[in-house]
């Protein structure tokens, strides 16, 4: 009735990414970091 409908599952319910998928995601985040954010890696 009020607010948004909650999803059926959350990220906690999903299987964990393999190390290679995690590394690819980290690399994508580093490559697409907005210029006003300082890299802290």
PDB file of N, CA and C in Angstrom:
ATOM      1  N   UNK A   1       0.815  -1.170   0.000  1.00  0.00           N
ATOM      2  CA  UNK A   1       0.000   0.000   0.000  1.00  0.00           C
ATOM      3  C   UNK A   1       0.876   1.258   0.000  1.00  0.00           C
ATOM      4  N   UNK A   2       1.936   1.256   0.810  1.00  0.00           N
ATOM      5  CA  UNK A   2       2.803   2.426   0.877  1.00  0.00           C
ATOM      6  C   UNK A   2       4.194   2.066   0.397  1.00  0.00           C
ATOM      7  N   UNK A   3       4.830   2.975  -0.341  1.00  0.00           N
ATOM      8  CA  UNK A   3       6.212   2.769  -0.748  1.00  0.00           C
ATOM      9  C   UNK A   3       6.349   1.827  -1.932  1.00  0.00           C
ATOM     10  N   UNK A   4       7.594   1.435  -2.180  1.00  0.00           N
ATOM     11  CA  UNK A   4       7.905   0.565  -3.310  1.00  0.00           C
ATOM     12  C   UNK A   4       7.749  -0.899  -2.922  1.00  0.00           C
ATOM     13  N   UNK A   5       7.455  -1.699  -3.916  1.00  0.00           N
ATOM     14  CA  UNK A   5       7.364  -3.140  -3.704  1.00  0.00           C
ATOM     15  C   UNK A   5       8.781  -3.685  -3.554  1.00  0.00           C
ATOM     16  N   UNK A   6       8.999  -4.535  -2.563  1.00  0.00           N
ATOM     17  CA  UNK A   6      10.323  -5.100  -2.333  1.00  0.00           C
ATOM     18  C   UNK A   6      10.603  -6.213  -3.339  1.00  0.00           C
ATOM     19  N   UNK A   7      11.864  -6.382  -3.743  1.00  0.00           N
ATOM     20  CA  UNK A   7      12.199  -7.446  -4.691  1.00  0.00           C
ATOM     21  C   UNK A   7      12.028  -8.825  -4.049  1.00  0.00           C
ATOM     22  N   UNK A   8      11.848  -9.836  -4.895  1.00  0.00           N
ATOM     23  CA  UNK A   8      11.707 -11.212  -4.412  1.00  0.00           C
ATOM     24  C   UNK A   8      12.981 -11.698  -3.740  1.00  0.00           C
ATOM     25  N   UNK A   9      14.142 -11.298  -4.291  1.00  0.00           N
ATOM     26  CA  UNK A   9      15.418 -11.719  -3.709  1.00  0.00           C
ATOM     27  C   UNK A   9      16.364 -10.524  -3.678  1.00  0.00           C
ATOM     28  N   UNK A  10      17.344 -10.608  -2.819  1.00  0.00           N
ATOM     29  CA  UNK A  10      18.335  -9.542  -2.699  1.00  0.00           C
ATOM     30  C   UNK A  10      19.709 -10.074  -3.088  1.00  0.00           C
ATOM     31  N   UNK A  11      20.703  -9.217  -3.088  1.00  0.00           N
ATOM     32  CA  UNK A  11      22.061  -9.634  -3.424  1.00  0.00           C
ATOM     33  C   UNK A  11      22.574 -10.673  -2.434  1.00  0.00           C
ATOM     34  N   UNK A  12      22.099 -10.625  -1.211  1.00  0.00           N
ATOM     35  CA  UNK A  12      22.511 -11.615  -0.211  1.00  0.00           C
ATOM     36  C   UNK A  12      22.004 -13.015  -0.550  1.00  0.00           C
ATOM     37  N   UNK A  13      20.916 -13.082  -1.319  1.00  0.00           N
ATOM     38  CA  UNK A  13      20.352 -14.374  -1.701  1.00  0.00           C
ATOM     39  C   UNK A  13      21.042 -14.970  -2.922  1.00  0.00           C
ATOM     40  N   UNK A  14      21.792 -14.165  -3.646  1.00  0.00           N
ATOM     41  CA  UNK A  14      22.433 -14.596  -4.882  1.00  0.00           C
ATOM     42  C   UNK A  14      23.750 -15.301  -4.603  1.00  0.00           C
ATOM     43  N   UNK A  15      24.157 -16.227  -5.481  1.00  0.00           N
ATOM     44  CA  UNK A  15      25.461 -16.873  -5.294  1.00  0.00           C
ATOM     45  C   UNK A  15      26.589 -15.854  -5.441  1.00  0.00           C
ATOM     46  N   UNK A  16      27.679 -16.099  -4.737  1.00  0.00           N
ATOM     47  CA  UNK A  16      28.823 -15.187  -4.794  1.00  0.00           C
ATOM     48  C   UNK A  16      29.486 -15.271  -6.149  1.00  0.00           C
ATOM     49  N   UNK A  17      30.098 -14.162  -6.575  1.00  0.00           N
ATOM     50  CA  UNK A  17      30.813 -14.128  -7.849  1.00  0.00           C
ATOM     51  C   UNK A  17      32.107 -14.922  -7.748  1.00  0.00           C
ATOM     52  N   UNK A  18      32.505 -15.514  -8.855  1.00  0.00           N
ATOM     53  CA  UNK A  18      33.811 -16.162  -8.909  1.00  0.00           C
ATOM     54  C   UNK A  18      34.879 -15.080  -8.819  1.00  0.00           C
ATOM     55  N   UNK A  19      36.088 -15.447  -8.419  1.00  0.00           N
ATOM     56  CA  UNK A  19      37.164 -14.461  -8.274  1.00  0.00           C
ATOM     57  C   UNK A  19      37.399 -13.695  -9.564  1.00  0.00           C
ATOM     58  N   UNK A  20      37.361 -14.361 -10.717  1.00  0.00           N
ATOM     59  CA  UNK A  20      37.613 -13.676 -11.984  1.00  0.00           C
ATOM     60  C   UNK A  20      36.512 -12.659 -12.276  1.00  0.00           C
ATOM     61  N   UNK A  21      35.250 -13.004 -11.971  1.00  0.00           N
ATOM     62  CA  UNK A  21      34.151 -12.061 -12.170  1.00  0.00           C
ATOM     63  C   UNK A  21      34.280 -10.888 -11.221  1.00  0.00           C
ATOM     64  N   UNK A  22      34.704 -11.146 -10.000  1.00  0.00           N
ATOM     65  CA  UNK A  22      34.899 -10.090  -9.021  1.00  0.00           C
ATOM     66  C   UNK A  22      36.014  -9.150  -9.474  1.00  0.00           C
ATOM     67  N   UNK A  23      37.113  -9.716  -9.987  1.00  0.00           N
ATOM     68  CA  UNK A  23      38.227  -8.907 -10.482  1.00  0.00           C
ATOM     69  C   UNK A  23      37.798  -8.045 -11.661  1.00  0.00           C
ATOM     70  N   UNK A  24      36.990  -8.611 -12.558  1.00  0.00           N
ATOM     71  CA  UNK A  24      36.502  -7.853 -13.712  1.00  0.00           C
ATOM     72  C   UNK A  24      35.612  -6.698 -13.245  1.00  0.00           C
ATOM     73  N   UNK A  25      34.777  -6.956 -12.262  1.00  0.00           N
ATOM     74  CA  UNK A  25      33.903  -5.905 -11.738  1.00  0.00           C
ATOM     75  C   UNK A  25      34.731  -4.798 -11.088  1.00  0.00           C
ATOM     76  N   UNK A  26      35.754  -5.181 -10.314  1.00  0.00           N
ATOM     77  CA  UNK A  26      36.628  -4.197  -9.675  1.00  0.00           C
ATOM     78  C   UNK A  26      37.337  -3.358 -10.721  1.00  0.00           C
ATOM     79  N   UNK A  27      37.824  -3.999 -11.783  1.00  0.00           N
ATOM     80  CA  UNK A  27      38.517  -3.273 -12.846  1.00  0.00           C
ATOM     81  C   UNK A  27      37.562  -2.313 -13.538  1.00  0.00           C
ATOM     82  N   UNK A  28      36.322  -2.749 -13.794  1.00  0.00           N
ATOM     83  CA  UNK A  28      35.346  -1.879 -14.425  1.00  0.00           C
ATOM     84  C   UNK A  28      35.079  -0.660 -13.551  1.00  0.00           C
ATOM     85  N   UNK A  29      34.955  -0.876 -12.236  1.00  0.00           N
ATOM     86  CA  UNK A  29      34.711   0.233 -11.325  1.00  0.00           C
ATOM     87  C   UNK A  29      35.881   1.214 -11.325  1.00  0.00           C
ATOM     88  N   UNK A  30      37.097   0.704 -11.369  1.00  0.00           N
ATOM     89  CA  UNK A  30      38.276   1.578 -11.408  1.00  0.00           C
ATOM     90  C   UNK A  30      38.325   2.359 -12.721  1.00  0.00           C
ATOM     91  N   UNK A  31      38.021   1.694 -13.837  1.00  0.00           N
ATOM     92  CA  UNK A  31      38.058   2.346 -15.149  1.00  0.00           C
ATOM     93  C   UNK A  31      36.964   3.392 -15.297  1.00  0.00           C
ATOM     94  N   UNK A  32      35.856   3.219 -14.605  1.00  0.00           N
ATOM     95  CA  UNK A  32      34.704   4.106 -14.762  1.00  0.00           C
ATOM     96  C   UNK A  32      34.476   5.004 -13.549  1.00  0.00           C
ATOM     97  N   UNK A  33      35.511   5.189 -12.745  1.00  0.00           N
ATOM     98  CA  UNK A  33      35.432   6.037 -11.565  1.00  0.00           C
ATOM     99  C   UNK A  33      35.269   7.492 -12.003  1.00  0.00           C
ATOM    100  N   UNK A  34      34.294   8.204 -11.435  1.00  0.00           N
ATOM    101  CA  UNK A  34      34.129   9.620 -11.782  1.00  0.00           C
ATOM    102  C   UNK A  34      35.391  10.410 -11.424  1.00  0.00           C
ATOM    103  N   UNK A  35      35.732  11.421 -12.209  1.00  0.00           N
ATOM    104  CA  UNK A  35      36.973  12.160 -11.981  1.00  0.00           C
ATOM    105  C   UNK A  35      37.051  12.871 -10.636  1.00  0.00           C
ATOM    106  N   UNK A  36      35.913  13.174 -10.007  1.00  0.00           N
ATOM    107  CA  UNK A  36      35.946  13.879  -8.732  1.00  0.00           C
ATOM    108  C   UNK A  36      36.168  12.935  -7.549  1.00  0.00           C
ATOM    109  N   UNK A  37      36.268  11.636  -7.799  1.00  0.00           N
ATOM    110  CA  UNK A  37      36.557  10.678  -6.732  1.00  0.00           C
ATOM    111  C   UNK A  37      38.026  10.299  -6.785  1.00  0.00           C
ATOM    112  N   UNK A  38      38.689  10.434  -5.671  1.00  0.00           N
ATOM    113  CA  UNK A  38      40.100  10.039  -5.597  1.00  0.00           C
ATOM    114  C   UNK A  38      40.201   8.528  -5.502  1.00  0.00           C
ATOM    115  N   UNK A  39      41.131   7.961  -6.225  1.00  0.00           N
ATOM    116  CA  UNK A  39      41.344   6.512  -6.153  1.00  0.00           C
ATOM    117  C   UNK A  39      41.960   6.172  -4.802  1.00  0.00           C
ATOM    118  N   UNK A  40      41.369   5.217  -4.122  1.00  0.00           N
ATOM    119  CA  UNK A  40      41.905   4.809  -2.833  1.00  0.00           C
ATOM    120  C   UNK A  40      42.368   3.365  -2.883  1.00  0.00           C
ATOM    121  N   UNK A  41      42.553   2.843  -4.074  1.00  0.00           N
ATOM    122  CA  UNK A  41      43.013   1.468  -4.174  1.00  0.00           C
ATOM    123  C   UNK A  41      44.481   1.463  -4.246  1.00  0.00           C
TER     124      UNK A  41
END
